[in-house]
PDB file of N, CA and C in Angstrom:
ATOM      1  N   UNK A   1       0.850  -1.161   0.060  1.00  0.00           N
ATOM      2  CA  UNK A   1       0.033   0.011   0.013  1.00  0.00           C
ATOM      3  C   UNK A   1       0.845   1.296   0.019  1.00  0.00           C
ATOM      4  N   UNK A   2       0.588   2.194  -0.737  1.00  0.00           N
ATOM      5  CA  UNK A   2       1.311   3.484  -0.801  1.00  0.00           C
ATOM      6  C   UNK A   2       0.961   4.333   0.392  1.00  0.00           C
ATOM      7  N   UNK A   3       1.965   5.035   0.946  1.00  0.00           N
ATOM      8  CA  UNK A   3       1.698   5.900   2.039  1.00  0.00           C
ATOM      9  C   UNK A   3       0.627   6.968   1.806  1.00  0.00           C
ATOM     10  N   UNK A   4       0.538   7.409   0.535  1.00  0.00           N
ATOM     11  CA  UNK A   4      -0.474   8.359   0.121  1.00  0.00           C
ATOM     12  C   UNK A   4      -1.870   7.725   0.372  1.00  0.00           C
ATOM     13  N   UNK A   5      -2.052   6.370   0.112  1.00  0.00           N
ATOM     14  CA  UNK A   5      -3.383   5.756   0.330  1.00  0.00           C
ATOM     15  C   UNK A   5      -3.619   5.721   1.879  1.00  0.00           C
ATOM     16  N   UNK A   6      -2.618   5.544   2.737  1.00  0.00           N
ATOM     17  CA  UNK A   6      -2.838   5.565   4.244  1.00  0.00           C
ATOM     18  C   UNK A   6      -3.357   7.020   4.540  1.00  0.00           C
ATOM     19  N   UNK A   7      -2.646   8.010   4.036  1.00  0.00           N
ATOM     20  CA  UNK A   7      -2.966   9.370   4.382  1.00  0.00           C
ATOM     21  C   UNK A   7      -4.503   9.577   4.019  1.00  0.00           C
ATOM     22  N   UNK A   8      -4.921   9.139   2.890  1.00  0.00           N
ATOM     23  CA  UNK A   8      -6.309   9.322   2.363  1.00  0.00           C
ATOM     24  C   UNK A   8      -7.292   8.540   3.274  1.00  0.00           C
ATOM     25  N   UNK A   9      -6.946   7.297   3.534  1.00  0.00           N
ATOM     26  CA  UNK A   9      -7.887   6.410   4.319  1.00  0.00           C
ATOM     27  C   UNK A   9      -8.105   6.976   5.720  1.00  0.00           C
ATOM     28  N   UNK A  10      -7.112   7.570   6.292  1.00  0.00           N
ATOM     29  CA  UNK A  10      -7.162   8.023   7.678  1.00  0.00           C
ATOM     30  C   UNK A  10      -7.343   9.533   7.765  1.00  0.00           C
ATOM     31  N   UNK A  11      -7.646  10.164   6.666  1.00  0.00           N
ATOM     32  CA  UNK A  11      -7.869  11.626   6.576  1.00  0.00           C
ATOM     33  C   UNK A  11      -6.777  12.360   7.390  1.00  0.00           C
ATOM     34  N   UNK A  12      -5.436  11.924   7.097  1.00  0.00           N
ATOM     35  CA  UNK A  12      -4.343  12.376   7.938  1.00  0.00           C
ATOM     36  C   UNK A  12      -3.634  13.619   7.332  1.00  0.00           C
ATOM     37  N   UNK A  13      -3.105  14.329   8.054  1.00  0.00           N
ATOM     38  CA  UNK A  13      -2.219  15.557   7.635  1.00  0.00           C
ATOM     39  C   UNK A  13      -0.737  15.110   7.635  1.00  0.00           C
ATOM     40  N   UNK A  14      -0.039  15.548   6.642  1.00  0.00           N
ATOM     41  CA  UNK A  14       1.407  15.280   6.470  1.00  0.00           C
ATOM     42  C   UNK A  14       2.101  16.245   7.209  1.00  0.00           C
ATOM     43  N   UNK A  15       3.010  15.838   8.198  1.00  0.00           N
ATOM     44  CA  UNK A  15       3.784  16.732   9.052  1.00  0.00           C
ATOM     45  C   UNK A  15       5.206  16.813   8.501  1.00  0.00           C
ATOM     46  N   UNK A  16       5.700  15.811   7.796  1.00  0.00           N
ATOM     47  CA  UNK A  16       6.969  15.798   7.068  1.00  0.00           C
ATOM     48  C   UNK A  16       7.018  14.617   6.224  1.00  0.00           C
ATOM     49  N   UNK A  17       7.915  14.754   5.239  1.00  0.00           N
ATOM     50  CA  UNK A  17       8.149  13.645   4.259  1.00  0.00           C
ATOM     51  C   UNK A  17       7.165  13.506   3.108  1.00  0.00           C
ATOM     52  N   UNK A  18       6.595  14.576   2.824  1.00  0.00           N
ATOM     53  CA  UNK A  18       5.619  14.630   1.664  1.00  0.00           C
ATOM     54  C   UNK A  18       6.234  14.130   0.366  1.00  0.00           C
ATOM     55  N   UNK A  19       7.516  14.279   0.228  1.00  0.00           N
ATOM     56  CA  UNK A  19       8.089  13.800  -0.967  1.00  0.00           C
ATOM     57  C   UNK A  19       8.258  12.206  -0.978  1.00  0.00           C
ATOM     58  N   UNK A  20       7.918  11.511   0.094  1.00  0.00           N
ATOM     59  CA  UNK A  20       7.921  10.050   0.154  1.00  0.00           C
ATOM     60  C   UNK A  20       6.609   9.447   0.177  1.00  0.00           C
ATOM     61  N   UNK A  21       5.557  10.157  -0.161  1.00  0.00           N
ATOM     62  CA  UNK A  21       4.253   9.604  -0.028  1.00  0.00           C
ATOM     63  C   UNK A  21       3.880   8.527  -1.063  1.00  0.00           C
ATOM     64  N   UNK A  22       4.701   8.401  -2.087  1.00  0.00           N
ATOM     65  CA  UNK A  22       4.528   7.359  -3.114  1.00  0.00           C
ATOM     66  C   UNK A  22       5.203   6.086  -2.665  1.00  0.00           C
ATOM     67  N   UNK A  23       5.942   6.090  -1.532  1.00  0.00           N
ATOM     68  CA  UNK A  23       6.608   4.930  -0.973  1.00  0.00           C
ATOM     69  C   UNK A  23       5.605   3.844  -0.652  1.00  0.00           C
ATOM     70  N   UNK A  24       6.003   2.579  -0.845  1.00  0.00           N
ATOM     71  CA  UNK A  24       5.160   1.358  -0.633  1.00  0.00           C
ATOM     72  C   UNK A  24       5.491   0.863   0.822  1.00  0.00           C
ATOM     73  N   UNK A  25       4.465   0.387   1.492  1.00  0.00           N
ATOM     74  CA  UNK A  25       4.606  -0.300   2.732  1.00  0.00           C
ATOM     75  C   UNK A  25       3.818  -1.551   2.694  1.00  0.00           C
ATOM     76  N   UNK A  26       4.228  -2.538   3.460  1.00  0.00           N
ATOM     77  CA  UNK A  26       3.604  -3.880   3.295  1.00  0.00           C
ATOM     78  C   UNK A  26       2.972  -4.391   4.594  1.00  0.00           C
ATOM     79  N   UNK A  27       3.219  -3.710   5.731  1.00  0.00           N
ATOM     80  CA  UNK A  27       2.672  -4.076   7.051  1.00  0.00           C
ATOM     81  C   UNK A  27       2.584  -2.970   7.995  1.00  0.00           C
ATOM     82  N   UNK A  28       1.982  -3.146   9.084  1.00  0.00           N
ATOM     83  CA  UNK A  28       1.767  -2.074  10.078  1.00  0.00           C
ATOM     84  C   UNK A  28       1.715  -2.529  11.511  1.00  0.00           C
ATOM     85  N   UNK A  29       1.968  -1.717  12.458  1.00  0.00           N
ATOM     86  CA  UNK A  29       2.021  -2.040  13.790  1.00  0.00           C
ATOM     87  C   UNK A  29       1.270  -0.849  14.597  1.00  0.00           C
ATOM     88  N   UNK A  30       0.320  -1.157  15.517  1.00  0.00           N
ATOM     89  CA  UNK A  30      -0.189  -0.116  16.364  1.00  0.00           C
ATOM     90  C   UNK A  30       0.138  -0.363  17.713  1.00  0.00           C
ATOM     91  N   UNK A  31       0.875   0.627  18.279  1.00  0.00           N
ATOM     92  CA  UNK A  31       1.398   0.428  19.657  1.00  0.00           C
ATOM     93  C   UNK A  31       1.838   1.714  20.337  1.00  0.00           C
ATOM     94  N   UNK A  32       1.674   1.820  21.640  1.00  0.00           N
ATOM     95  CA  UNK A  32       2.185   3.021  22.337  1.00  0.00           C
ATOM     96  C   UNK A  32       3.329   2.693  23.173  1.00  0.00           C
ATOM     97  N   UNK A  33       3.700   1.372  23.269  1.00  0.00           N
ATOM     98  CA  UNK A  33       4.828   0.952  24.052  1.00  0.00           C
ATOM     99  C   UNK A  33       6.054   0.561  23.158  1.00  0.00           C
ATOM    100  N   UNK A  34       7.045   1.502  23.017  1.00  0.00           N
ATOM    101  CA  UNK A  34       8.089   1.192  22.111  1.00  0.00           C
ATOM    102  C   UNK A  34       8.961  -0.059  22.439  1.00  0.00           C
ATOM    103  N   UNK A  35       8.926  -0.293  23.743  1.00  0.00           N
ATOM    104  CA  UNK A  35       9.683  -1.623  24.106  1.00  0.00           C
ATOM    105  C   UNK A  35       8.921  -2.811  23.505  1.00  0.00           C
ATOM    106  N   UNK A  36       7.598  -2.844  23.343  1.00  0.00           N
ATOM    107  CA  UNK A  36       6.940  -3.932  22.742  1.00  0.00           C
ATOM    108  C   UNK A  36       7.208  -3.963  21.209  1.00  0.00           C
ATOM    109  N   UNK A  37       7.320  -2.749  20.641  1.00  0.00           N
ATOM    110  CA  UNK A  37       7.653  -2.731  19.238  1.00  0.00           C
ATOM    111  C   UNK A  37       9.055  -3.259  19.017  1.00  0.00           C
ATOM    112  N   UNK A  38       9.997  -3.036  19.848  1.00  0.00           N
ATOM    113  CA  UNK A  38      11.349  -3.541  19.727  1.00  0.00           C
ATOM    114  C   UNK A  38      11.353  -4.962  20.056  1.00  0.00           C
ATOM    115  N   UNK A  39      10.621  -5.472  21.041  1.00  0.00           N
ATOM    116  CA  UNK A  39      10.718  -6.851  21.434  1.00  0.00           C
ATOM    117  C   UNK A  39       9.977  -7.845  20.633  1.00  0.00           C
ATOM    118  N   UNK A  40       8.769  -7.417  20.105  1.00  0.00           N
ATOM    119  CA  UNK A  40       7.916  -8.410  19.521  1.00  0.00           C
ATOM    120  C   UNK A  40       7.587  -8.239  17.986  1.00  0.00           C
ATOM    121  N   UNK A  41       7.847  -7.077  17.499  1.00  0.00           N
ATOM    122  CA  UNK A  41       7.467  -6.839  16.153  1.00  0.00           C
ATOM    123  C   UNK A  41       8.675  -6.586  15.285  1.00  0.00           C
ATOM    124  N   UNK A  42       8.725  -7.358  14.147  1.00  0.00           N
ATOM    125  CA  UNK A  42       9.857  -7.149  13.178  1.00  0.00           C
ATOM    126  C   UNK A  42       9.321  -6.867  11.805  1.00  0.00           C
ATOM    127  N   UNK A  43      10.067  -6.237  11.078  1.00  0.00           N
ATOM    128  CA  UNK A  43       9.789  -6.041   9.653  1.00  0.00           C
ATOM    129  C   UNK A  43       8.530  -5.254   9.343  1.00  0.00           C
ATOM    130  N   UNK A  44       8.213  -4.282  10.281  1.00  0.00           N
ATOM    131  CA  UNK A  44       7.058  -3.461  10.076  1.00  0.00           C
ATOM    132  C   UNK A  44       7.383  -2.215   9.253  1.00  0.00           C
ATOM    133  N   UNK A  45       6.434  -1.670   8.568  1.00  0.00           N
ATOM    134  CA  UNK A  45       6.718  -0.522   7.726  1.00  0.00           C
ATOM    135  C   UNK A  45       5.993   0.717   8.159  1.00  0.00           C
ATOM    136  N   UNK A  46       4.909   0.610   8.900  1.00  0.00           N
ATOM    137  CA  UNK A  46       4.158   1.727   9.416  1.00  0.00           C
ATOM    138  C   UNK A  46       3.891   1.487  10.877  1.00  0.00           C
ATOM    139  N   UNK A  47       4.145   2.566  11.690  1.00  0.00           N
ATOM    140  CA  UNK A  47       3.872   2.595  13.082  1.00  0.00           C
ATOM    141  C   UNK A  47       2.757   3.485  13.417  1.00  0.00           C
ATOM    142  N   UNK A  48       1.694   3.012  14.027  1.00  0.00           N
ATOM    143  CA  UNK A  48       0.610   3.855  14.481  1.00  0.00           C
ATOM    144  C   UNK A  48       0.696   3.923  15.958  1.00  0.00           C
ATOM    145  N   UNK A  49       0.713   5.247  16.520  1.00  0.00           N
ATOM    146  CA  UNK A  49       0.884   5.448  17.913  1.00  0.00           C
ATOM    147  C   UNK A  49       0.344   6.794  18.357  1.00  0.00           C
ATOM    148  N   UNK A  50       0.124   6.861  19.653  1.00  0.00           N
ATOM    149  CA  UNK A  50      -0.277   8.126  20.273  1.00  0.00           C
ATOM    150  C   UNK A  50       0.816   8.711  21.138  1.00  0.00           C
ATOM    151  N   UNK A  51       1.930   7.993  21.143  1.00  0.00           N
ATOM    152  CA  UNK A  51       3.117   8.446  21.974  1.00  0.00           C
ATOM    153  C   UNK A  51       3.829   9.527  21.128  1.00  0.00           C
ATOM    154  N   UNK A  52       4.162  10.628  21.649  1.00  0.00           N
ATOM    155  CA  UNK A  52       4.736  11.702  20.880  1.00  0.00           C
ATOM    156  C   UNK A  52       6.087  12.203  21.422  1.00  0.00           C
ATOM    157  N   UNK A  53       7.015  11.273  21.588  1.00  0.00           N
ATOM    158  CA  UNK A  53       8.292  11.737  22.044  1.00  0.00           C
ATOM    159  C   UNK A  53       9.353  11.180  21.024  1.00  0.00           C
ATOM    160  N   UNK A  54      10.653  11.657  21.073  1.00  0.00           N
ATOM    161  CA  UNK A  54      11.662  11.297  20.084  1.00  0.00           C
ATOM    162  C   UNK A  54      11.878   9.756  20.102  1.00  0.00           C
ATOM    163  N   UNK A  55      11.633   9.061  21.143  1.00  0.00           N
ATOM    164  CA  UNK A  55      11.840   7.576  21.154  1.00  0.00           C
ATOM    165  C   UNK A  55      11.054   6.880  20.064  1.00  0.00           C
ATOM    166  N   UNK A  56       9.896   7.452  19.693  1.00  0.00           N
ATOM    167  CA  UNK A  56       9.013   6.850  18.687  1.00  0.00           C
ATOM    168  C   UNK A  56       9.839   6.856  17.342  1.00  0.00           C
ATOM    169  N   UNK A  57      10.416   7.974  17.028  1.00  0.00           N
ATOM    170  CA  UNK A  57      11.181   8.130  15.824  1.00  0.00           C
ATOM    171  C   UNK A  57      12.388   7.152  15.859  1.00  0.00           C
ATOM    172  N   UNK A  58      13.121   7.173  16.955  1.00  0.00           N
ATOM    173  CA  UNK A  58      14.352   6.312  17.150  1.00  0.00           C
ATOM    174  C   UNK A  58      13.976   4.864  16.919  1.00  0.00           C
ATOM    175  N   UNK A  59      12.780   4.483  17.503  1.00  0.00           N
ATOM    176  CA  UNK A  59      12.327   3.103  17.342  1.00  0.00           C
ATOM    177  C   UNK A  59      12.074   2.808  15.943  1.00  0.00           C
ATOM    178  N   UNK A  60      11.357   3.686  15.209  1.00  0.00           N
ATOM    179  CA  UNK A  60      11.068   3.555  13.820  1.00  0.00           C
ATOM    180  C   UNK A  60      12.261   3.374  12.984  1.00  0.00           C
ATOM    181  N   UNK A  61      13.340   4.199  13.377  1.00  0.00           N
ATOM    182  CA  UNK A  61      14.549   4.107  12.560  1.00  0.00           C
ATOM    183  C   UNK A  61      15.201   2.758  12.816  1.00  0.00           C
ATOM    184  N   UNK A  62      15.210   2.240  14.026  1.00  0.00           N
ATOM    185  CA  UNK A  62      15.860   0.965  14.315  1.00  0.00           C
ATOM    186  C   UNK A  62      15.136  -0.242  13.599  1.00  0.00           C
ATOM    187  N   UNK A  63      13.814  -0.033  13.434  1.00  0.00           N
ATOM    188  CA  UNK A  63      12.997  -1.064  12.790  1.00  0.00           C
ATOM    189  C   UNK A  63      12.796  -0.869  11.310  1.00  0.00           C
ATOM    190  N   UNK A  64      13.537   0.106  10.743  1.00  0.00           N
ATOM    191  CA  UNK A  64      13.394   0.442   9.281  1.00  0.00           C
ATOM    192  C   UNK A  64      11.993   0.726   8.803  1.00  0.00           C
ATOM    193  N   UNK A  65      11.246   1.512   9.642  1.00  0.00           N
ATOM    194  CA  UNK A  65       9.881   1.855   9.300  1.00  0.00           C
ATOM    195  C   UNK A  65       9.902   3.058   8.416  1.00  0.00           C
ATOM    196  N   UNK A  66       8.975   3.241   7.536  1.00  0.00           N
ATOM    197  CA  UNK A  66       8.958   4.288   6.574  1.00  0.00           C
ATOM    198  C   UNK A  66       8.003   5.452   6.880  1.00  0.00           C
ATOM    199  N   UNK A  67       7.094   5.031   7.820  1.00  0.00           N
ATOM    200  CA  UNK A  67       6.032   6.024   8.160  1.00  0.00           C
ATOM    201  C   UNK A  67       5.555   5.831   9.675  1.00  0.00           C
ATOM    202  N   UNK A  68       5.349   6.971  10.243  1.00  0.00           N
ATOM    203  CA  UNK A  68       4.705   6.964  11.622  1.00  0.00           C
ATOM    204  C   UNK A  68       3.357   7.771  11.423  1.00  0.00           C
ATOM    205  N   UNK A  69       2.342   7.183  12.035  1.00  0.00           N
ATOM    206  CA  UNK A  69       0.989   7.838  12.014  1.00  0.00           C
ATOM    207  C   UNK A  69       0.688   8.165  13.524  1.00  0.00           C
ATOM    208  N   UNK A  70       0.560   9.450  13.871  1.00  0.00           N
ATOM    209  CA  UNK A  70       0.131   9.782  15.152  1.00  0.00           C
ATOM    210  C   UNK A  70      -1.460   9.843  15.210  1.00  0.00           C
ATOM    211  N   UNK A  71      -1.990   9.078  16.047  1.00  0.00           N
ATOM    212  CA  UNK A  71      -3.456   8.886  16.130  1.00  0.00           C
ATOM    213  C   UNK A  71      -3.971   9.688  17.279  1.00  0.00           C
ATOM    214  N   UNK A  72      -5.321   9.724  17.375  1.00  0.00           N
ATOM    215  CA  UNK A  72      -6.088  10.381  18.441  1.00  0.00           C
ATOM    216  C   UNK A  72      -5.800  11.873  18.494  1.00  0.00           C
ATOM    217  N   UNK A  73      -5.462  12.536  17.405  1.00  0.00           N
ATOM    218  CA  UNK A  73      -5.219  13.942  17.393  1.00  0.00           C
ATOM    219  C   UNK A  73      -3.951  14.446  18.075  1.00  0.00           C
ATOM    220  N   UNK A  74      -3.095  13.429  18.307  1.00  0.00           N
ATOM    221  CA  UNK A  74      -1.764  13.727  18.980  1.00  0.00           C
ATOM    222  C   UNK A  74      -0.852  14.417  17.970  1.00  0.00           C
ATOM    223  N   UNK A  75      -0.105  15.444  18.399  1.00  0.00           N
ATOM    224  CA  UNK A  75       0.795  16.166  17.567  1.00  0.00           C
ATOM    225  C   UNK A  75       2.145  16.203  18.240  1.00  0.00           C
ATOM    226  N   UNK A  76       3.141  15.654  17.482  1.00  0.00           N
ATOM    227  CA  UNK A  76       4.522  15.664  18.053  1.00  0.00           C
ATOM    228  C   UNK A  76       5.048  17.070  17.945  1.00  0.00           C
ATOM    229  N   UNK A  77       6.021  17.212  18.784  1.00  0.00           N
ATOM    230  CA  UNK A  77       6.746  18.557  18.730  1.00  0.00           C
ATOM    231  C   UNK A  77       7.670  18.694  17.574  1.00  0.00           C
ATOM    232  N   UNK A  78       8.184  19.869  17.346  1.00  0.00           N
ATOM    233  CA  UNK A  78       8.932  20.202  16.215  1.00  0.00           C
ATOM    234  C   UNK A  78      10.294  19.360  16.202  1.00  0.00           C
ATOM    235  N   UNK A  79      10.859  19.150  17.340  1.00  0.00           N
ATOM    236  CA  UNK A  79      12.088  18.353  17.411  1.00  0.00           C
ATOM    237  C   UNK A  79      11.852  16.861  17.043  1.00  0.00           C
ATOM    238  N   UNK A  80      10.671  16.283  17.281  1.00  0.00           N
ATOM    239  CA  UNK A  80      10.323  14.998  16.818  1.00  0.00           C
ATOM    240  C   UNK A  80      10.182  14.926  15.304  1.00  0.00           C
ATOM    241  N   UNK A  81       9.505  15.944  14.868  1.00  0.00           N
ATOM    242  CA  UNK A  81       9.268  16.047  13.358  1.00  0.00           C
ATOM    243  C   UNK A  81      10.561  16.171  12.657  1.00  0.00           C
ATOM    244  N   UNK A  82      11.445  17.074  13.203  1.00  0.00           N
ATOM    245  CA  UNK A  82      12.832  17.248  12.558  1.00  0.00           C
ATOM    246  C   UNK A  82      13.601  15.960  12.577  1.00  0.00           C
ATOM    247  N   UNK A  83      13.641  15.178  13.682  1.00  0.00           N
ATOM    248  CA  UNK A  83      14.268  13.957  13.748  1.00  0.00           C
ATOM    249  C   UNK A  83      13.788  13.006  12.652  1.00  0.00           C
ATOM    250  N   UNK A  84      12.500  12.921  12.435  1.00  0.00           N
ATOM    251  CA  UNK A  84      11.957  12.066  11.407  1.00  0.00           C
ATOM    252  C   UNK A  84      12.280  12.602  10.027  1.00  0.00           C
ATOM    253  N   UNK A  85      12.247  13.870   9.838  1.00  0.00           N
ATOM    254  CA  UNK A  85      12.640  14.465   8.548  1.00  0.00           C
ATOM    255  C   UNK A  85      14.110  14.021   8.190  1.00  0.00           C
ATOM    256  N   UNK A  86      14.942  14.187   9.146  1.00  0.00           N
ATOM    257  CA  UNK A  86      16.411  13.787   8.955  1.00  0.00           C
ATOM    258  C   UNK A  86      16.523  12.365   8.586  1.00  0.00           C
ATOM    259  N   UNK A  87      15.637  11.471   9.151  1.00  0.00           N
ATOM    260  CA  UNK A  87      15.728  10.029   8.913  1.00  0.00           C
ATOM    261  C   UNK A  87      15.014   9.642   7.593  1.00  0.00           C
ATOM    262  N   UNK A  88      14.255  10.562   7.004  1.00  0.00           N
ATOM    263  CA  UNK A  88      13.500  10.205   5.848  1.00  0.00           C
ATOM    264  C   UNK A  88      12.216   9.494   6.131  1.00  0.00           C
ATOM    265  N   UNK A  89      11.681   9.603   7.334  1.00  0.00           N
ATOM    266  CA  UNK A  89      10.412   8.977   7.688  1.00  0.00           C
ATOM    267  C   UNK A  89       9.333   9.996   7.510  1.00  0.00           C
ATOM    268  N   UNK A  90       8.211   9.389   6.920  1.00  0.00           N
ATOM    269  CA  UNK A  90       7.009  10.215   6.750  1.00  0.00           C
ATOM    270  C   UNK A  90       6.244  10.296   8.058  1.00  0.00           C
ATOM    271  N   UNK A  91       5.764  11.474   8.449  1.00  0.00           N
ATOM    272  CA  UNK A  91       5.055  11.640   9.606  1.00  0.00           C
ATOM    273  C   UNK A  91       3.598  12.092   9.211  1.00  0.00           C
ATOM    274  N   UNK A  92       2.604  11.293   9.690  1.00  0.00           N
ATOM    275  CA  UNK A  92       1.172  11.660   9.431  1.00  0.00           C
ATOM    276  C   UNK A  92       0.561  11.827  10.781  1.00  0.00           C
ATOM    277  N   UNK A  93      -0.499  12.674  10.828  1.00  0.00           N
ATOM    278  CA  UNK A  93      -1.248  12.811  12.038  1.00  0.00           C
ATOM    279  C   UNK A  93      -2.752  12.772  11.680  1.00  0.00           C
ATOM    280  N   UNK A  94      -3.511  12.035  12.511  1.00  0.00           N
ATOM    281  CA  UNK A  94      -4.953  11.822  12.264  1.00  0.00           C
ATOM    282  C   UNK A  94      -5.736  11.942  13.504  1.00  0.00           C
ATOM    283  N   UNK A  95      -6.940  12.399  13.468  1.00  0.00           N
ATOM    284  CA  UNK A  95      -7.815  12.411  14.700  1.00  0.00           C
ATOM    285  C   UNK A  95      -8.400  11.064  14.948  1.00  0.00           C
ATOM    286  N   UNK A  96      -8.254  10.083  14.095  1.00  0.00           N
ATOM    287  CA  UNK A  96      -8.802   8.811  14.266  1.00  0.00           C
ATOM    288  C   UNK A  96      -8.118   8.060  15.417  1.00  0.00           C
ATOM    289  N   UNK A  97      -8.960   7.326  16.236  1.00  0.00           N
ATOM    290  CA  UNK A  97      -8.365   6.530  17.263  1.00  0.00           C
ATOM    291  C   UNK A  97      -7.635   5.299  16.763  1.00  0.00           C
ATOM    292  N   UNK A  98      -6.717   4.876  17.553  1.00  0.00           N
ATOM    293  CA  UNK A  98      -5.776   3.843  17.088  1.00  0.00           C
ATOM    294  C   UNK A  98      -6.589   2.553  16.610  1.00  0.00           C
ATOM    295  N   UNK A  99      -7.423   2.102  17.390  1.00  0.00           N
ATOM    296  CA  UNK A  99      -8.261   0.842  17.094  1.00  0.00           C
ATOM    297  C   UNK A  99      -8.927   1.071  15.767  1.00  0.00           C
ATOM    298  N   UNK A 100      -9.590   2.174  15.470  1.00  0.00           N
ATOM    299  CA  UNK A 100     -10.269   2.359  14.283  1.00  0.00           C
ATOM    300  C   UNK A 100      -9.271   2.462  13.101  1.00  0.00           C
ATOM    301  N   UNK A 101      -8.188   3.207  13.261  1.00  0.00           N
ATOM    302  CA  UNK A 101      -7.209   3.422  12.279  1.00  0.00           C
ATOM    303  C   UNK A 101      -6.553   2.060  11.806  1.00  0.00           C
ATOM    304  N   UNK A 102      -6.209   1.260  12.784  1.00  0.00           N
ATOM    305  CA  UNK A 102      -5.693  -0.053  12.490  1.00  0.00           C
ATOM    306  C   UNK A 102      -6.673  -0.873  11.740  1.00  0.00           C
ATOM    307  N   UNK A 103      -7.960  -0.841  12.193  1.00  0.00           N
ATOM    308  CA  UNK A 103      -9.020  -1.625  11.540  1.00  0.00           C
ATOM    309  C   UNK A 103      -9.190  -1.225  10.099  1.00  0.00           C
ATOM    310  N   UNK A 104      -9.169   0.142   9.791  1.00  0.00           N
ATOM    311  CA  UNK A 104      -9.294   0.630   8.475  1.00  0.00           C
ATOM    312  C   UNK A 104      -8.245   0.089   7.611  1.00  0.00           C
ATOM    313  N   UNK A 105      -7.015   0.209   8.048  1.00  0.00           N
ATOM    314  CA  UNK A 105      -5.824  -0.197   7.269  1.00  0.00           C
ATOM    315  C   UNK A 105      -5.854  -1.732   7.005  1.00  0.00           C
ATOM    316  N   UNK A 106      -6.262  -2.445   8.128  1.00  0.00           N
ATOM    317  CA  UNK A 106      -6.355  -3.932   7.993  1.00  0.00           C
ATOM    318  C   UNK A 106      -7.332  -4.318   6.949  1.00  0.00           C
ATOM    319  N   UNK A 107      -8.563  -3.683   7.007  1.00  0.00           N
ATOM    320  CA  UNK A 107      -9.636  -3.946   6.042  1.00  0.00           C
ATOM    321  C   UNK A 107      -9.269  -3.698   4.551  1.00  0.00           C
ATOM    322  N   UNK A 108      -8.315  -2.747   4.412  1.00  0.00           N
ATOM    323  CA  UNK A 108      -7.880  -2.398   3.089  1.00  0.00           C
ATOM    324  C   UNK A 108      -6.655  -3.219   2.600  1.00  0.00           C
ATOM    325  N   UNK A 109      -6.231  -4.223   3.393  1.00  0.00           N
ATOM    326  CA  UNK A 109      -5.260  -5.212   3.005  1.00  0.00           C
ATOM    327  C   UNK A 109      -3.864  -4.986   3.698  1.00  0.00           C
ATOM    328  N   UNK A 110      -3.612  -3.983   4.586  1.00  0.00           N
ATOM    329  CA  UNK A 110      -2.399  -3.770   5.224  1.00  0.00           C
ATOM    330  C   UNK A 110      -2.417  -4.582   6.504  1.00  0.00           C
ATOM    331  N   UNK A 111      -1.721  -5.644   6.510  1.00  0.00           N
ATOM    332  CA  UNK A 111      -1.699  -6.546   7.623  1.00  0.00           C
ATOM    333  C   UNK A 111      -0.576  -6.367   8.563  1.00  0.00           C
ATOM    334  N   UNK A 112      -0.512  -7.141   9.649  1.00  0.00           N
ATOM    335  CA  UNK A 112       0.487  -6.936  10.673  1.00  0.00           C
ATOM    336  C   UNK A 112       1.868  -7.596  10.529  1.00  0.00           C
ATOM    337  N   UNK A 113       1.967  -8.378   9.578  1.00  0.00           N
ATOM    338  CA  UNK A 113       3.240  -9.191   9.459  1.00  0.00           C
ATOM    339  C   UNK A 113       3.335 -10.218  10.578  1.00  0.00           C
ATOM    340  N   UNK A 114       4.442 -10.793  10.774  1.00  0.00           N
ATOM    341  CA  UNK A 114       4.623 -11.745  11.815  1.00  0.00           C
ATOM    342  C   UNK A 114       5.201 -11.180  13.071  1.00  0.00           C
ATOM    343  N   UNK A 115       4.750 -11.783  14.182  1.00  0.00           N
ATOM    344  CA  UNK A 115       5.212 -11.407  15.542  1.00  0.00           C
ATOM    345  C   UNK A 115       6.193 -12.320  15.975  1.00  0.00           C
ATOM    346  N   UNK A 116       7.464 -11.882  16.190  1.00  0.00           N
ATOM    347  CA  UNK A 116       8.490 -12.744  16.684  1.00  0.00           C
ATOM    348  C   UNK A 116       8.676 -12.506  18.181  1.00  0.00           C
ATOM    349  N   UNK A 117       8.660 -13.631  18.918  1.00  0.00           N
ATOM    350  CA  UNK A 117       8.851 -13.574  20.431  1.00  0.00           C
ATOM    351  C   UNK A 117      10.169 -14.070  20.779  1.00  0.00           C
TER     352      UNK A 117
END
C-alpha cells in the first residue's frame, strides 16, 4: 500500500516527508509501548501510535519503518518532526483513534506481518 493511500484512508495531515508519499509499505503495527515494538514486532513498515516523543522516531529508525502515524489527534513537537525528517520517515497525524485506524488499514489489506517472540 502506498503511504499516500494511508493518508487518504485516515484523513491524515502530512507533518513531514511529503516527498515520500509514493513509497510502498507492506505491514503495520499499532502500539504505544516502544519496548513492545522492539521486542515483539519485526519488519514493520508503518507505526501507528499516540506516543509523541523522540523515542518513537528512534524506534522507527531501528525497525526500518517508513512512516509513523500519530493517532487520536496527537501532535509531535517540532524536534520529533525534525528527527523524522532527517531520517527520511514520513509523519502523518490523524484524529482517528488507534483501534479504528488499525481496523481501516487492515480492512484495506495492510496486515500486521509476523510477531517474533
